[in-house]
Amino acid sequence: MPLHPQVASLLRAMAEDDAPPPADLAAERKEYLDSALRLGGAAEPVAGTEDVVVPSFDGARLPARVHAPLHAPEADALLVWLHGGGWYVGDLPTFDRVARVLANAAGAKVLTVEYRLAPEHRWPTQVRDAYAVLAWARGDGAAQLGIDPGRVVLGGDSAGGQLAVVAARHAPPASLRALVLAYPALDPTLSSESYKTFADGPMLTKADMERCWAFYLGDEDGAVQRAAADPDVAPLVATDLDALPPTAIALAEEDVVRDDGAALAEALDAAGVPVDLRVFEGMVHGYIRWGGMVDAAGETLRWLGERARAALDGPPPG
C-alpha cells in the first residue's frame, strides 16, 4: 500500500527541511521533543495532571506523570505507558499528548515514566526500571495514585513496547488486565521480512534500528547474538508467553519493525492468549506522536485506549 497522503506530505516536508542534523545526543533528544510538540497538535484536556516520583530497584528516583481522564477524574483504574524512542530518546513532555489521549479513551489514569536512557544506562537497567514502576504502581504507589491494584493495564510503543512485554512476563500471574502495544521493537536480529522491505525507510531505517539496539545492548562483539537468545531482550524467543494477559497490538504498515509485532501476535495466539491485531494502512514508525498532522495517530491511541477500557471494565483475570 502507498503511504497515507498525510504521512507522505509530512515526510516530504521533513526531507525538504535544510536544517543540519543534530550535532550530538543532547541535540537529538531535543529535536525528538521539539518534533513531538510541533506535530502533536493541541494537548487534549484531562481532569488533572500530577507529577510524581517512582523509586526504582537501586534507589534511583524516576520522574513520572499521572493524567486523570476528563470525564472520570476519580477513576481507580490505571494504564502504565512506557514510551518509545529507541531506548535512548524520549521523556515526559514528548509523550504528554499521547498519554492524555490514552487517559480519556481508556477512562483510566495514565502513568508515564522517564526510565533511564541508553547509552548512559545499558540493558538491563531499562527493563528493571520498568519492573519497578509496575510493582510500585500495584504496590506502595496504589494509594498515592488512587487506583485499584487489580485494575492495571500495561502498554508502550516501540522500545517501550519491548519493555512492556518483558515487564509483563515478570509480573505476578493474572495481575494485569491487558497489554496494549504500538509497533513494538522485539527482535535484535533485524532479520524479518519487513526489515528487508523497509530497510531504507520510510522514516525509520534498518541502520537506525541497528544504532538503537547498539545503544541499548552495547556494541561489543557478540552482544546482539547473546541478546537474541535472551527473552528479557527478545521476547519472541520466550517460552512462557501463555502467561501474558490479553493483548492489543497496533502496527504501522510501512514500518521496518512491523513484523516484530505481527510475530508476537502469532506467538500469543498459538499460546492461547487472546490477541487483537490491527495494522494501520499507510502509516510509518512513530506516527502516534503526530496527532496534529496525522488523523490516524488519534485513531490508533483511541483504539488502544478502548481496548484497555474493555479489559478494565470486564471481569478480573481468573
C-alpha atoms as a PDB file:
ATOM      1  CA  MET A   1       0.000   0.000   0.000  1.00  0.00           C
ATOM      2  CA  PRO A   2       1.202   3.573  -0.622  1.00  0.00           C
ATOM      3  CA  LEU A   3       1.896   5.974   2.208  1.00  0.00           C
ATOM      4  CA  HIS A   4      -1.160   7.747   3.546  1.00  0.00           C
ATOM      5  CA  PRO A   5      -1.345  11.230   1.947  1.00  0.00           C
ATOM      6  CA  GLN A   6      -0.989  12.949   5.335  1.00  0.00           C
ATOM      7  CA  VAL A   7       2.145  10.934   6.103  1.00  0.00           C
ATOM      8  CA  ALA A   8       3.574  11.431   2.610  1.00  0.00           C
ATOM      9  CA  SER A   9       3.116  15.180   2.898  1.00  0.00           C
ATOM     10  CA  LEU A  10       4.751  15.260   6.300  1.00  0.00           C
ATOM     11  CA  LEU A  11       7.736  13.195   5.163  1.00  0.00           C
ATOM     12  CA  ARG A  12       8.207  15.443   2.106  1.00  0.00           C
ATOM     13  CA  ALA A  13       8.315  18.474   4.392  1.00  0.00           C
ATOM     14  CA  MET A  14      10.873  16.723   6.601  1.00  0.00           C
ATOM     15  CA  ALA A  15      13.005  15.881   3.560  1.00  0.00           C
ATOM     16  CA  GLU A  16      12.886  19.483   2.342  1.00  0.00           C
ATOM     17  CA  ASP A  17      13.953  20.850   5.724  1.00  0.00           C
ATOM     18  CA  ASP A  18      17.523  22.057   5.263  1.00  0.00           C
ATOM     19  CA  ALA A  19      18.314  22.182   8.969  1.00  0.00           C
ATOM     20  CA  PRO A  20      21.556  20.367   9.825  1.00  0.00           C
ATOM     21  CA  PRO A  21      21.271  17.022  11.624  1.00  0.00           C
ATOM     22  CA  PRO A  22      21.608  17.111  15.409  1.00  0.00           C
ATOM     23  CA  ALA A  23      25.236  17.612  16.399  1.00  0.00           C
ATOM     24  CA  ASP A  24      25.178  15.288  19.398  1.00  0.00           C
ATOM     25  CA  LEU A  25      22.929  13.131  21.556  1.00  0.00           C
ATOM     26  CA  ALA A  26      21.636  16.069  23.597  1.00  0.00           C
ATOM     27  CA  ALA A  27      20.625  17.854  20.401  1.00  0.00           C
ATOM     28  CA  GLU A  28      18.994  14.686  19.063  1.00  0.00           C
ATOM     29  CA  ARG A  29      16.926  14.344  22.229  1.00  0.00           C
ATOM     30  CA  LYS A  30      15.891  17.988  21.984  1.00  0.00           C
ATOM     31  CA  GLU A  31      14.845  17.543  18.346  1.00  0.00           C
ATOM     32  CA  TYR A  32      12.798  14.460  19.280  1.00  0.00           C
ATOM     33  CA  LEU A  33      10.917  16.541  21.842  1.00  0.00           C
ATOM     34  CA  ASP A  34      10.593  19.533  19.525  1.00  0.00           C
ATOM     35  CA  SER A  35       9.108  17.394  16.750  1.00  0.00           C
ATOM     36  CA  ALA A  36       6.523  15.935  19.115  1.00  0.00           C
ATOM     37  CA  LEU A  37       5.490  19.410  20.246  1.00  0.00           C
ATOM     38  CA  ARG A  38       5.475  20.739  16.686  1.00  0.00           C
ATOM     39  CA  LEU A  39       3.493  17.861  15.171  1.00  0.00           C
ATOM     40  CA  GLY A  40       1.463  16.687  18.133  1.00  0.00           C
ATOM     41  CA  GLY A  41      -1.340  19.223  17.878  1.00  0.00           C
ATOM     42  CA  ALA A  42      -3.289  20.702  20.760  1.00  0.00           C
ATOM     43  CA  ALA A  43      -2.977  18.898  24.068  1.00  0.00           C
ATOM     44  CA  GLU A  44      -6.236  17.102  24.821  1.00  0.00           C
ATOM     45  CA  PRO A  45      -7.773  18.327  28.085  1.00  0.00           C
ATOM     46  CA  VAL A  46      -7.790  15.965  31.040  1.00  0.00           C
ATOM     47  CA  ALA A  47      -9.267  16.239  34.528  1.00  0.00           C
ATOM     48  CA  GLY A  48      -5.933  16.640  36.232  1.00  0.00           C
ATOM     49  CA  THR A  49      -2.194  16.115  35.957  1.00  0.00           C
ATOM     50  CA  GLU A  50       0.247  15.340  38.738  1.00  0.00           C
ATOM     51  CA  ASP A  51       3.992  14.866  38.623  1.00  0.00           C
ATOM     52  CA  VAL A  52       5.239  12.122  40.928  1.00  0.00           C
ATOM     53  CA  VAL A  53       8.489  10.279  41.613  1.00  0.00           C
ATOM     54  CA  VAL A  54       8.759   6.494  41.356  1.00  0.00           C
ATOM     55  CA  PRO A  55      11.526   4.605  43.199  1.00  0.00           C
ATOM     56  CA  SER A  56      13.453   2.103  41.116  1.00  0.00           C
ATOM     57  CA  PHE A  57      15.264  -1.101  42.018  1.00  0.00           C
ATOM     58  CA  ASP A  58      18.556   0.562  43.005  1.00  0.00           C
ATOM     59  CA  GLY A  59      17.187   3.573  44.843  1.00  0.00           C
ATOM     60  CA  ALA A  60      17.057   5.796  41.770  1.00  0.00           C
ATOM     61  CA  ARG A  61      14.088   8.152  41.632  1.00  0.00           C
ATOM     62  CA  LEU A  62      12.319   8.224  38.263  1.00  0.00           C
ATOM     63  CA  PRO A  63      10.276  11.272  37.211  1.00  0.00           C
ATOM     64  CA  ALA A  64       6.728  10.272  36.311  1.00  0.00           C
ATOM     65  CA  ARG A  65       3.399  11.900  35.454  1.00  0.00           C
ATOM     66  CA  VAL A  66      -0.204  10.896  36.057  1.00  0.00           C
ATOM     67  CA  HIS A  67      -3.125  12.104  33.936  1.00  0.00           C
ATOM     68  CA  ALA A  68      -6.700  11.601  35.143  1.00  0.00           C
ATOM     69  CA  PRO A  69      -9.354  11.179  32.421  1.00  0.00           C
ATOM     70  CA  LEU A  70     -11.540  14.169  31.686  1.00  0.00           C
ATOM     71  CA  HIS A  71     -14.892  12.564  32.445  1.00  0.00           C
ATOM     72  CA  ALA A  72     -13.746  10.271  35.250  1.00  0.00           C
ATOM     73  CA  PRO A  73     -11.351  12.237  37.473  1.00  0.00           C
ATOM     74  CA  GLU A  74     -11.679   9.726  40.310  1.00  0.00           C
ATOM     75  CA  ALA A  75     -11.062   6.684  38.113  1.00  0.00           C
ATOM     76  CA  ASP A  76      -9.450   3.882  40.094  1.00  0.00           C
ATOM     77  CA  ALA A  77      -8.040   2.045  37.055  1.00  0.00           C
ATOM     78  CA  LEU A  78      -4.543   2.648  35.709  1.00  0.00           C
ATOM     79  CA  LEU A  79      -2.739   2.346  32.389  1.00  0.00           C
ATOM     80  CA  VAL A  80       1.050   2.341  32.767  1.00  0.00           C
ATOM     81  CA  TRP A  81       2.590   3.542  29.483  1.00  0.00           C
ATOM     82  CA  LEU A  82       6.285   3.053  28.666  1.00  0.00           C
ATOM     83  CA  HIS A  83       7.370   5.479  25.977  1.00  0.00           C
ATOM     84  CA  GLY A  84       9.250   4.762  22.774  1.00  0.00           C
ATOM     85  CA  GLY A  85      12.383   6.354  21.425  1.00  0.00           C
ATOM     86  CA  GLY A  86      14.844   3.541  20.754  1.00  0.00           C
ATOM     87  CA  TRP A  87      15.714   3.282  24.459  1.00  0.00           C
ATOM     88  CA  TYR A  88      17.807   6.456  24.111  1.00  0.00           C
ATOM     89  CA  VAL A  89      15.426   9.389  23.497  1.00  0.00           C
ATOM     90  CA  GLY A  90      12.029  10.340  24.896  1.00  0.00           C
ATOM     91  CA  ASP A  91      10.729  11.898  28.092  1.00  0.00           C
ATOM     92  CA  LEU A  92       7.514  13.010  29.793  1.00  0.00           C
ATOM     93  CA  PRO A  93       6.891  16.141  27.673  1.00  0.00           C
ATOM     94  CA  THR A  94       7.477  14.232  24.426  1.00  0.00           C
ATOM     95  CA  PHE A  95       4.713  11.748  25.217  1.00  0.00           C
ATOM     96  CA  ASP A  96       2.403  14.026  27.191  1.00  0.00           C
ATOM     97  CA  ARG A  97      -0.106  14.338  24.337  1.00  0.00           C
ATOM     98  CA  VAL A  98      -0.088  10.575  23.786  1.00  0.00           C
ATOM     99  CA  ALA A  99      -0.802   9.960  27.463  1.00  0.00           C
ATOM    100  CA  ARG A 100      -3.689  12.427  27.520  1.00  0.00           C
ATOM    101  CA  VAL A 101      -5.483  10.764  24.617  1.00  0.00           C
ATOM    102  CA  LEU A 102      -4.951   7.352  26.175  1.00  0.00           C
ATOM    103  CA  ALA A 103      -6.345   8.505  29.537  1.00  0.00           C
ATOM    104  CA  ASN A 104      -9.555   9.804  28.024  1.00  0.00           C
ATOM    105  CA  ALA A 105     -10.005   6.827  25.689  1.00  0.00           C
ATOM    106  CA  ALA A 106      -9.337   4.276  28.426  1.00  0.00           C
ATOM    107  CA  GLY A 107     -11.334   6.069  31.109  1.00  0.00           C
ATOM    108  CA  ALA A 108      -8.353   5.378  33.354  1.00  0.00           C
ATOM    109  CA  LYS A 109      -5.487   7.254  34.880  1.00  0.00           C
ATOM    110  CA  VAL A 110      -2.317   7.034  32.805  1.00  0.00           C
ATOM    111  CA  LEU A 111       1.129   6.857  34.377  1.00  0.00           C
ATOM    112  CA  THR A 112       4.113   7.680  32.178  1.00  0.00           C
ATOM    113  CA  VAL A 113       7.661   7.494  33.458  1.00  0.00           C
ATOM    114  CA  GLU A 114      11.157   8.567  32.472  1.00  0.00           C
ATOM    115  CA  TYR A 115      13.006   5.274  32.694  1.00  0.00           C
ATOM    116  CA  ARG A 116      16.754   5.690  32.373  1.00  0.00           C
ATOM    117  CA  LEU A 117      18.083   6.003  28.837  1.00  0.00           C
ATOM    118  CA  ALA A 118      20.885   4.416  26.873  1.00  0.00           C
ATOM    119  CA  PRO A 119      23.760   4.736  26.216  1.00  0.00           C
ATOM    120  CA  GLU A 120      24.355   6.256  29.645  1.00  0.00           C
ATOM    121  CA  HIS A 121      22.469   3.267  31.066  1.00  0.00           C
ATOM    122  CA  ARG A 122      22.604  -0.070  29.262  1.00  0.00           C
ATOM    123  CA  TRP A 123      20.258  -3.032  29.379  1.00  0.00           C
ATOM    124  CA  PRO A 124      19.011  -4.366  31.773  1.00  0.00           C
ATOM    125  CA  THR A 125      18.574  -1.021  33.561  1.00  0.00           C
ATOM    126  CA  GLN A 126      15.569  -0.082  31.446  1.00  0.00           C
ATOM    127  CA  VAL A 127      13.732  -3.357  31.961  1.00  0.00           C
ATOM    128  CA  ARG A 128      14.486  -3.291  35.682  1.00  0.00           C
ATOM    129  CA  ASP A 129      13.132   0.265  35.816  1.00  0.00           C
ATOM    130  CA  ALA A 130      10.009  -0.993  34.042  1.00  0.00           C
ATOM    131  CA  TYR A 131       9.571  -3.829  36.568  1.00  0.00           C
ATOM    132  CA  ALA A 132       9.997  -1.354  39.419  1.00  0.00           C
ATOM    133  CA  VAL A 133       7.427   1.081  38.028  1.00  0.00           C
ATOM    134  CA  LEU A 134       4.838  -1.641  37.567  1.00  0.00           C
ATOM    135  CA  ALA A 135       5.486  -3.101  41.023  1.00  0.00           C
ATOM    136  CA  TRP A 136       5.253   0.338  42.628  1.00  0.00           C
ATOM    137  CA  ALA A 137       2.009   1.186  40.823  1.00  0.00           C
ATOM    138  CA  ARG A 138       0.411  -2.034  42.044  1.00  0.00           C
ATOM    139  CA  GLY A 139       2.010  -1.814  45.499  1.00  0.00           C
ATOM    140  CA  ASP A 140       3.121   1.173  47.527  1.00  0.00           C
ATOM    141  CA  GLY A 141       2.046   3.633  44.848  1.00  0.00           C
ATOM    142  CA  ALA A 142      -1.548   2.436  44.534  1.00  0.00           C
ATOM    143  CA  ALA A 143      -2.822   4.564  47.415  1.00  0.00           C
ATOM    144  CA  GLN A 144      -0.880   7.594  46.198  1.00  0.00           C
ATOM    145  CA  LEU A 145      -2.333   7.210  42.718  1.00  0.00           C
ATOM    146  CA  GLY A 146      -5.813   6.386  43.992  1.00  0.00           C
ATOM    147  CA  ILE A 147      -6.067   3.182  41.986  1.00  0.00           C
ATOM    148  CA  ASP A 148      -7.188  -0.377  42.497  1.00  0.00           C
ATOM    149  CA  PRO A 149      -4.077  -2.573  42.061  1.00  0.00           C
ATOM    150  CA  GLY A 150      -6.308  -5.209  40.496  1.00  0.00           C
ATOM    151  CA  ARG A 151      -7.270  -2.856  37.650  1.00  0.00           C
ATOM    152  CA  VAL A 152      -3.994  -2.190  35.849  1.00  0.00           C
ATOM    153  CA  VAL A 153      -3.127  -2.335  32.149  1.00  0.00           C
ATOM    154  CA  LEU A 154       0.422  -2.060  30.827  1.00  0.00           C
ATOM    155  CA  GLY A 155       1.412  -0.655  27.468  1.00  0.00           C
ATOM    156  CA  GLY A 156       4.075   1.008  25.398  1.00  0.00           C
ATOM    157  CA  ASP A 157       5.218   1.971  21.930  1.00  0.00           C
ATOM    158  CA  SER A 158       8.313   0.866  20.017  1.00  0.00           C
ATOM    159  CA  ALA A 159      11.136   0.421  22.559  1.00  0.00           C
ATOM    160  CA  GLY A 160       8.566   0.939  25.299  1.00  0.00           C
ATOM    161  CA  GLY A 161       6.555  -1.898  23.801  1.00  0.00           C
ATOM    162  CA  GLN A 162       9.548  -4.198  24.263  1.00  0.00           C
ATOM    163  CA  LEU A 163       9.888  -3.062  27.881  1.00  0.00           C
ATOM    164  CA  ALA A 164       6.164  -3.629  28.466  1.00  0.00           C
ATOM    165  CA  VAL A 165       6.227  -7.201  27.145  1.00  0.00           C
ATOM    166  CA  VAL A 166       9.299  -8.067  29.212  1.00  0.00           C
ATOM    167  CA  ALA A 167       7.845  -6.483  32.358  1.00  0.00           C
ATOM    168  CA  ALA A 168       4.541  -8.289  31.850  1.00  0.00           C
ATOM    169  CA  ARG A 169       6.362 -11.628  31.706  1.00  0.00           C
ATOM    170  CA  HIS A 170       7.745 -10.934  35.184  1.00  0.00           C
ATOM    171  CA  ALA A 171       4.506  -9.624  36.695  1.00  0.00           C
ATOM    172  CA  PRO A 172       2.631 -11.893  39.125  1.00  0.00           C
ATOM    173  CA  PRO A 173       0.200 -14.215  37.349  1.00  0.00           C
ATOM    174  CA  ALA A 174      -3.151 -12.613  36.457  1.00  0.00           C
ATOM    175  CA  SER A 175      -2.016  -9.257  37.874  1.00  0.00           C
ATOM    176  CA  LEU A 176      -2.539  -7.324  34.636  1.00  0.00           C
ATOM    177  CA  ARG A 177      -5.842  -6.882  32.846  1.00  0.00           C
ATOM    178  CA  ALA A 178      -4.242  -6.377  29.420  1.00  0.00           C
ATOM    179  CA  LEU A 179      -1.256  -5.342  27.345  1.00  0.00           C
ATOM    180  CA  VAL A 180      -1.685  -2.581  24.751  1.00  0.00           C
ATOM    181  CA  LEU A 181       1.188  -2.043  22.338  1.00  0.00           C
ATOM    182  CA  ALA A 182       2.046   0.198  19.405  1.00  0.00           C
ATOM    183  CA  TYR A 183       4.618  -1.090  16.900  1.00  0.00           C
ATOM    184  CA  PRO A 184       6.842  -2.859  19.485  1.00  0.00           C
ATOM    185  CA  ALA A 185      10.525  -3.438  18.639  1.00  0.00           C
ATOM    186  CA  LEU A 186      11.193  -7.014  19.747  1.00  0.00           C
ATOM    187  CA  ASP A 187      13.871  -8.654  17.574  1.00  0.00           C
ATOM    188  CA  PRO A 188      17.534  -7.544  17.807  1.00  0.00           C
ATOM    189  CA  THR A 189      18.493  -9.791  14.872  1.00  0.00           C
ATOM    190  CA  LEU A 190      16.643  -7.475  12.441  1.00  0.00           C
ATOM    191  CA  SER A 191      16.014 -10.466  10.211  1.00  0.00           C
ATOM    192  CA  SER A 192      12.290 -10.313   9.430  1.00  0.00           C
ATOM    193  CA  GLU A 193      10.796  -9.640   6.020  1.00  0.00           C
ATOM    194  CA  SER A 194       9.813  -6.094   6.987  1.00  0.00           C
ATOM    195  CA  TYR A 195      13.472  -5.324   7.713  1.00  0.00           C
ATOM    196  CA  LYS A 196      14.202  -6.247   4.100  1.00  0.00           C
ATOM    197  CA  THR A 197      11.228  -4.432   2.614  1.00  0.00           C
ATOM    198  CA  PHE A 198      11.716  -1.208   4.588  1.00  0.00           C
ATOM    199  CA  ALA A 199      15.484  -1.314   5.150  1.00  0.00           C
ATOM    200  CA  ASP A 200      15.752   2.230   3.802  1.00  0.00           C
ATOM    201  CA  GLY A 201      12.620   3.559   5.462  1.00  0.00           C
ATOM    202  CA  PRO A 202      10.381   5.466   5.193  1.00  0.00           C
ATOM    203  CA  MET A 203      11.014   7.295   8.450  1.00  0.00           C
ATOM    204  CA  LEU A 204      12.902   4.543  10.300  1.00  0.00           C
ATOM    205  CA  THR A 205      15.635   2.502   8.610  1.00  0.00           C
ATOM    206  CA  LYS A 206      17.347  -0.755   9.436  1.00  0.00           C
ATOM    207  CA  ALA A 207      20.520   1.224  10.165  1.00  0.00           C
ATOM    208  CA  ASP A 208      18.565   3.379  12.619  1.00  0.00           C
ATOM    209  CA  MET A 209      17.417   0.252  14.473  1.00  0.00           C
ATOM    210  CA  GLU A 210      20.949  -1.178  14.487  1.00  0.00           C
ATOM    211  CA  ARG A 211      22.024   2.021  16.229  1.00  0.00           C
ATOM    212  CA  CYS A 212      19.157   1.821  18.734  1.00  0.00           C
ATOM    213  CA  TRP A 213      19.975  -1.775  19.675  1.00  0.00           C
ATOM    214  CA  ALA A 214      23.703  -0.950  19.923  1.00  0.00           C
ATOM    215  CA  PHE A 215      22.980   1.923  22.303  1.00  0.00           C
ATOM    216  CA  TYR A 216      20.731  -0.345  24.354  1.00  0.00           C
ATOM    217  CA  LEU A 217      22.853  -3.505  24.469  1.00  0.00           C
ATOM    218  CA  GLY A 218      26.351  -2.166  23.837  1.00  0.00           C
ATOM    219  CA  ASP A 219      28.342  -2.674  20.673  1.00  0.00           C
ATOM    220  CA  GLU A 220      30.770  -5.305  21.921  1.00  0.00           C
ATOM    221  CA  ASP A 221      31.353  -8.274  19.639  1.00  0.00           C
ATOM    222  CA  GLY A 222      28.579 -10.829  20.079  1.00  0.00           C
ATOM    223  CA  ALA A 223      26.284  -8.507  22.084  1.00  0.00           C
ATOM    224  CA  VAL A 224      23.380  -8.841  19.677  1.00  0.00           C
ATOM    225  CA  GLN A 225      23.833 -12.595  19.279  1.00  0.00           C
ATOM    226  CA  ARG A 226      23.796 -13.112  23.038  1.00  0.00           C
ATOM    227  CA  ALA A 227      20.789 -10.818  23.438  1.00  0.00           C
ATOM    228  CA  ALA A 228      18.815 -12.560  20.702  1.00  0.00           C
ATOM    229  CA  ALA A 229      18.644 -15.697  22.861  1.00  0.00           C
ATOM    230  CA  ASP A 230      17.505 -13.853  25.993  1.00  0.00           C
ATOM    231  CA  PRO A 231      13.729 -13.418  26.366  1.00  0.00           C
ATOM    232  CA  ASP A 232      14.327 -10.366  28.578  1.00  0.00           C
ATOM    233  CA  VAL A 233      15.710  -8.684  25.461  1.00  0.00           C
ATOM    234  CA  ALA A 234      13.980 -10.568  22.659  1.00  0.00           C
ATOM    235  CA  PRO A 235      10.507 -11.582  23.899  1.00  0.00           C
ATOM    236  CA  LEU A 236       9.786 -13.525  20.722  1.00  0.00           C
ATOM    237  CA  VAL A 237      12.048 -16.338  21.974  1.00  0.00           C
ATOM    238  CA  ALA A 238      10.201 -16.599  25.309  1.00  0.00           C
ATOM    239  CA  THR A 239       8.550 -19.916  26.111  1.00  0.00           C
ATOM    240  CA  ASP A 240       6.165 -18.505  28.711  1.00  0.00           C
ATOM    241  CA  LEU A 241       4.029 -16.188  26.596  1.00  0.00           C
ATOM    242  CA  ASP A 242       0.949 -18.149  27.651  1.00  0.00           C
ATOM    243  CA  ALA A 243       1.130 -16.276  30.982  1.00  0.00           C
ATOM    244  CA  LEU A 244       0.652 -12.884  29.329  1.00  0.00           C
ATOM    245  CA  PRO A 245      -2.694 -11.089  29.584  1.00  0.00           C
ATOM    246  CA  PRO A 246      -4.975 -10.374  26.612  1.00  0.00           C
ATOM    247  CA  THR A 247      -3.041  -8.148  24.225  1.00  0.00           C
ATOM    248  CA  ALA A 248      -3.899  -5.490  21.657  1.00  0.00           C
ATOM    249  CA  ILE A 249      -1.225  -4.577  19.097  1.00  0.00           C
ATOM    250  CA  ALA A 250      -1.339  -1.640  16.676  1.00  0.00           C
ATOM    251  CA  LEU A 251       1.157  -1.748  13.816  1.00  0.00           C
ATOM    252  CA  ALA A 252       2.225   0.698  11.124  1.00  0.00           C
ATOM    253  CA  GLU A 253       2.012  -0.860   7.675  1.00  0.00           C
ATOM    254  CA  GLU A 254       5.137   0.837   6.249  1.00  0.00           C
ATOM    255  CA  ASP A 255       7.426   0.115   9.187  1.00  0.00           C
ATOM    256  CA  VAL A 256      10.705  -1.750   9.481  1.00  0.00           C
ATOM    257  CA  VAL A 257       9.573  -3.284  12.819  1.00  0.00           C
ATOM    258  CA  ARG A 258       6.103  -4.221  11.591  1.00  0.00           C
ATOM    259  CA  ASP A 259       6.835  -7.948  11.550  1.00  0.00           C
ATOM    260  CA  ASP A 260       8.054  -7.891  15.172  1.00  0.00           C
ATOM    261  CA  GLY A 261       4.541  -7.091  16.335  1.00  0.00           C
ATOM    262  CA  ALA A 262       2.970  -9.483  13.839  1.00  0.00           C
ATOM    263  CA  ALA A 263       5.214 -12.292  15.101  1.00  0.00           C
ATOM    264  CA  LEU A 264       4.232 -11.522  18.683  1.00  0.00           C
ATOM    265  CA  ALA A 265       0.553 -11.684  17.749  1.00  0.00           C
ATOM    266  CA  GLU A 266       1.081 -15.062  16.080  1.00  0.00           C
ATOM    267  CA  ALA A 267       3.005 -16.417  19.091  1.00  0.00           C
ATOM    268  CA  LEU A 268       0.378 -15.192  21.551  1.00  0.00           C
ATOM    269  CA  ASP A 269      -2.407 -16.751  19.508  1.00  0.00           C
ATOM    270  CA  ALA A 270      -0.510 -20.046  19.397  1.00  0.00           C
ATOM    271  CA  ALA A 271      -0.084 -19.844  23.188  1.00  0.00           C
ATOM    272  CA  GLY A 272      -3.829 -19.369  23.688  1.00  0.00           C
ATOM    273  CA  VAL A 273      -3.630 -15.691  24.680  1.00  0.00           C
ATOM    274  CA  PRO A 274      -6.439 -13.519  23.282  1.00  0.00           C
ATOM    275  CA  VAL A 275      -4.853 -11.065  20.856  1.00  0.00           C
ATOM    276  CA  ASP A 276      -6.300  -8.189  18.857  1.00  0.00           C
ATOM    277  CA  LEU A 277      -4.054  -7.069  15.985  1.00  0.00           C
ATOM    278  CA  ARG A 278      -4.653  -4.064  13.761  1.00  0.00           C
ATOM    279  CA  VAL A 279      -2.378  -2.783  11.011  1.00  0.00           C
ATOM    280  CA  PHE A 280      -2.872   0.904  10.210  1.00  0.00           C
ATOM    281  CA  GLU A 281      -2.527   1.311   6.462  1.00  0.00           C
ATOM    282  CA  GLY A 282      -0.064   3.811   5.054  1.00  0.00           C
ATOM    283  CA  MET A 283       1.454   4.611   8.446  1.00  0.00           C
ATOM    284  CA  VAL A 284       5.129   4.737   9.392  1.00  0.00           C
ATOM    285  CA  HIS A 285       7.023   4.242  12.627  1.00  0.00           C
ATOM    286  CA  GLY A 286       6.475   6.907  15.280  1.00  0.00           C
ATOM    287  CA  TYR A 287       3.232   8.283  13.901  1.00  0.00           C
ATOM    288  CA  ILE A 288       1.279   8.186  17.179  1.00  0.00           C
ATOM    289  CA  ARG A 289       3.203  11.333  18.208  1.00  0.00           C
ATOM    290  CA  TRP A 290       1.899  13.286  15.191  1.00  0.00           C
ATOM    291  CA  GLY A 291      -1.686  13.885  16.270  1.00  0.00           C
ATOM    292  CA  GLY A 292      -1.732  17.418  14.898  1.00  0.00           C
ATOM    293  CA  MET A 293      -0.876  16.265  11.386  1.00  0.00           C
ATOM    294  CA  VAL A 294      -1.973  12.638  11.014  1.00  0.00           C
ATOM    295  CA  ASP A 295      -5.538  11.641  11.879  1.00  0.00           C
ATOM    296  CA  ALA A 296      -4.578   8.003  12.400  1.00  0.00           C
ATOM    297  CA  ALA A 297      -2.459   8.983  15.421  1.00  0.00           C
ATOM    298  CA  GLY A 298      -5.528   9.780  17.480  1.00  0.00           C
ATOM    299  CA  GLU A 299      -7.452   6.896  15.928  1.00  0.00           C
ATOM    300  CA  THR A 300      -4.735   4.458  16.992  1.00  0.00           C
ATOM    301  CA  LEU A 301      -4.477   5.777  20.535  1.00  0.00           C
ATOM    302  CA  ARG A 302      -8.247   5.700  20.939  1.00  0.00           C
ATOM    303  CA  TRP A 303      -8.326   2.133  19.599  1.00  0.00           C
ATOM    304  CA  LEU A 304      -5.728   1.061  22.146  1.00  0.00           C
ATOM    305  CA  GLY A 305      -7.439   3.036  24.901  1.00  0.00           C
ATOM    306  CA  GLU A 306     -10.798   1.459  24.141  1.00  0.00           C
ATOM    307  CA  ARG A 307      -9.279  -1.996  24.413  1.00  0.00           C
ATOM    308  CA  ALA A 308      -7.737  -1.061  27.712  1.00  0.00           C
ATOM    309  CA  ARG A 309     -11.121   0.233  28.880  1.00  0.00           C
ATOM    310  CA  ALA A 310     -12.850  -3.010  27.876  1.00  0.00           C
ATOM    311  CA  ALA A 311     -10.298  -5.056  29.813  1.00  0.00           C
ATOM    312  CA  LEU A 312     -10.521  -2.811  32.868  1.00  0.00           C
ATOM    313  CA  ASP A 313     -14.312  -2.869  32.900  1.00  0.00           C
ATOM    314  CA  GLY A 314     -14.543  -6.608  32.364  1.00  0.00           C
ATOM    315  CA  PRO A 315     -14.223  -9.415  34.892  1.00  0.00           C
ATOM    316  CA  PRO A 316     -10.872  -9.779  36.671  1.00  0.00           C
ATOM    317  CA  PRO A 317      -8.472 -12.383  35.304  1.00  0.00           C
ATOM    318  CA  GLY A 318      -9.003 -15.905  36.530  1.00  0.00           C
END
